[in-house]
């Protein structure tokens, strides 16, 4: 898909993986927007390895971060029970884990995009997701 909303081709390709996984899981459009907005905030839609976890560099990555042991598009942490480094570095698997966690949030459909993202991610910056809602919606529209 051609990039929209100022994304690079790599970012758009990663967004497509997130949207495709959500569609395969029969998630509603709102969930796709939550997921894309989350990945925009967490990794700028790049599959990031971690400087803290040398193992993460063994897998395909598009850059590196140093926020604890956070890896992948959603910056999920193996130490927090999200899964193995190998699995979290696989964009489709990381997206599936995100959607599965979102489904477990009671009433997530009625939460704001930012609140739904925060309920899954439990970020130190809960309000940061809101700034990505419009761009995420534009990306989801282009991919669906």
Protein backbone atom coordinates (compact mmCIF):
# COMPACT_ATOMS: atom_id res chain seq x y z
CA UNK A 1 0.00 0.00 0.00
CA UNK A 2 1.11 3.52 -0.73
CA UNK A 3 2.04 5.52 2.37
CA UNK A 4 -0.41 8.11 3.74
CA UNK A 5 -0.37 10.52 6.68
CA UNK A 6 3.33 11.24 6.31
CA UNK A 7 4.45 7.65 6.83
CA UNK A 8 7.40 6.01 5.12
CA UNK A 9 6.89 2.81 3.15
CA UNK A 10 8.35 0.78 6.04
CA UNK A 11 5.94 2.36 8.50
CA UNK A 12 2.99 1.80 6.16
CA UNK A 13 3.97 -1.83 5.66
CA UNK A 14 4.08 -2.29 9.44
CA UNK A 15 0.68 -0.60 9.79
CA UNK A 16 -0.67 -3.02 7.18
CA UNK A 17 0.48 -5.98 9.26
CA UNK A 18 -1.30 -4.54 12.31
CA UNK A 19 -4.51 -3.89 10.36
CA UNK A 20 -4.42 -7.28 8.62
CA UNK A 21 -4.01 -9.14 11.92
CA UNK A 22 -6.92 -7.20 13.41
CA UNK A 23 -9.08 -7.98 10.39
CA UNK A 24 -8.16 -11.67 10.61
CA UNK A 25 -9.21 -11.61 14.27
CA UNK A 26 -12.52 -9.96 13.29
CA UNK A 27 -11.72 -6.90 15.39
CA UNK A 28 -13.84 -3.81 14.70
CA UNK A 29 -12.38 -0.77 12.95
CA UNK A 30 -12.03 1.06 16.28
CA UNK A 31 -9.63 -1.65 17.51
CA UNK A 32 -7.53 -1.23 14.37
CA UNK A 33 -7.26 2.50 15.07
CA UNK A 34 -6.33 1.85 18.71
CA UNK A 35 -3.62 -0.59 17.63
CA UNK A 36 -2.12 1.64 14.93
CA UNK A 37 -2.19 4.70 17.23
CA UNK A 38 -0.49 2.65 19.93
CA UNK A 39 2.29 1.50 17.62
CA UNK A 40 2.71 5.08 16.37
CA UNK A 41 3.32 6.23 19.94
CA UNK A 42 5.39 3.28 21.09
CA UNK A 43 7.73 2.77 18.13
CA UNK A 44 6.77 5.28 15.43
CA UNK A 45 5.64 2.16 13.54
CA UNK A 46 9.14 0.68 13.41
CA UNK A 47 9.96 -2.82 14.63
CA UNK A 48 12.54 -1.90 17.25
CA UNK A 49 15.13 -4.10 18.89
CA UNK A 50 16.38 -3.18 22.38
CA UNK A 51 19.87 -2.12 23.37
CA UNK A 52 19.10 -3.73 26.73
CA UNK A 53 18.38 -7.13 25.13
CA UNK A 54 21.20 -8.18 22.78
CA UNK A 55 19.08 -11.17 21.70
CA UNK A 56 16.60 -8.80 20.05
CA UNK A 57 19.20 -7.84 17.46
CA UNK A 58 19.21 -11.44 16.20
CA UNK A 59 15.82 -10.79 14.62
CA UNK A 60 14.75 -8.46 11.83
CA UNK A 61 14.58 -4.94 13.20
CA UNK A 62 14.24 -1.41 11.87
CA UNK A 63 16.12 0.38 14.60
CA UNK A 64 16.83 0.17 18.28
CA UNK A 65 15.45 1.56 21.50
CA UNK A 66 16.64 1.53 25.09
CA UNK A 67 13.43 1.73 27.14
CA UNK A 68 13.95 -1.10 29.60
CA UNK A 69 13.48 -4.41 27.75
CA UNK A 70 10.77 -3.11 25.40
CA UNK A 71 10.84 -4.52 21.86
CA UNK A 72 8.87 -4.54 18.64
CA UNK A 73 6.14 -2.35 17.21
CA UNK A 74 4.25 -2.13 20.49
CA UNK A 75 7.32 -1.98 22.75
CA UNK A 76 6.08 -4.98 24.69
CA UNK A 77 8.31 -6.21 27.50
CA UNK A 78 9.28 -9.86 27.95
CA UNK A 79 9.83 -9.15 31.67
CA UNK A 80 6.20 -8.04 31.96
CA UNK A 81 4.90 -11.32 30.60
CA UNK A 82 4.17 -10.32 27.00
CA UNK A 83 6.16 -13.25 25.59
CA UNK A 84 9.57 -14.14 24.28
CA UNK A 85 11.87 -11.67 22.57
CA UNK A 86 11.63 -13.78 19.42
CA UNK A 87 7.82 -13.62 19.38
CA UNK A 88 7.62 -9.92 20.24
CA UNK A 89 10.00 -9.08 17.39
CA UNK A 90 7.53 -10.65 14.95
CA UNK A 91 5.11 -7.83 14.04
CA UNK A 92 2.13 -10.08 13.35
CA UNK A 93 2.56 -11.93 16.63
CA UNK A 94 3.00 -8.69 18.59
CA UNK A 95 -0.16 -7.29 16.99
CA UNK A 96 -2.10 -10.43 17.86
CA UNK A 97 -0.99 -10.14 21.49
CA UNK A 98 -2.06 -6.50 21.54
CA UNK A 99 -5.53 -7.32 20.20
CA UNK A 100 -5.93 -10.23 22.60
CA UNK A 101 -5.07 -7.92 25.52
CA UNK A 102 -7.45 -5.24 24.22
CA UNK A 103 -10.30 -7.78 24.10
CA UNK A 104 -9.76 -8.42 27.82
CA UNK A 105 -10.42 -4.78 28.77
CA UNK A 106 -14.04 -4.50 29.91
CA UNK A 107 -15.90 -1.92 27.82
CA UNK A 108 -12.86 -0.97 25.76
CA UNK A 109 -15.16 -0.10 22.84
CA UNK A 110 -16.61 2.84 24.78
CA UNK A 111 -13.23 4.18 25.92
CA UNK A 112 -11.41 6.90 24.05
CA UNK A 113 -8.71 5.66 21.68
CA UNK A 114 -6.09 6.90 24.14
CA UNK A 115 -7.76 5.30 27.16
CA UNK A 116 -8.11 1.97 25.37
CA UNK A 117 -4.44 2.06 24.35
CA UNK A 118 -3.43 2.97 27.90
CA UNK A 119 -5.52 0.16 29.37
CA UNK A 120 -3.46 -2.32 27.38
CA UNK A 121 -0.05 -0.67 27.52
CA UNK A 122 -0.06 0.82 31.03
CA UNK A 123 2.31 3.55 29.90
CA UNK A 124 4.01 6.16 32.05
CA UNK A 125 2.58 8.68 29.55
CA UNK A 126 -1.12 7.76 29.27
CA UNK A 127 -2.13 10.88 27.36
CA UNK A 128 0.47 10.44 24.62
CA UNK A 129 -1.69 8.12 22.51
CA UNK A 130 -4.35 10.75 21.80
CA UNK A 131 -2.08 12.76 19.49
CA UNK A 132 -2.01 9.84 17.04
CA UNK A 133 -5.74 9.19 16.71
CA UNK A 134 -6.38 11.19 13.52
CA UNK A 135 -3.31 9.89 11.67
CA UNK A 136 -4.09 6.32 12.77
CA UNK A 137 -7.65 6.69 11.50
CA UNK A 138 -6.34 7.96 8.14
CA UNK A 139 -3.97 4.99 7.89
CA UNK A 140 -6.68 2.46 8.79
CA UNK A 141 -9.02 3.98 6.21
CA UNK A 142 -6.33 3.65 3.55
CA UNK A 143 -5.73 0.00 4.46
CA UNK A 144 -9.32 -1.20 4.73
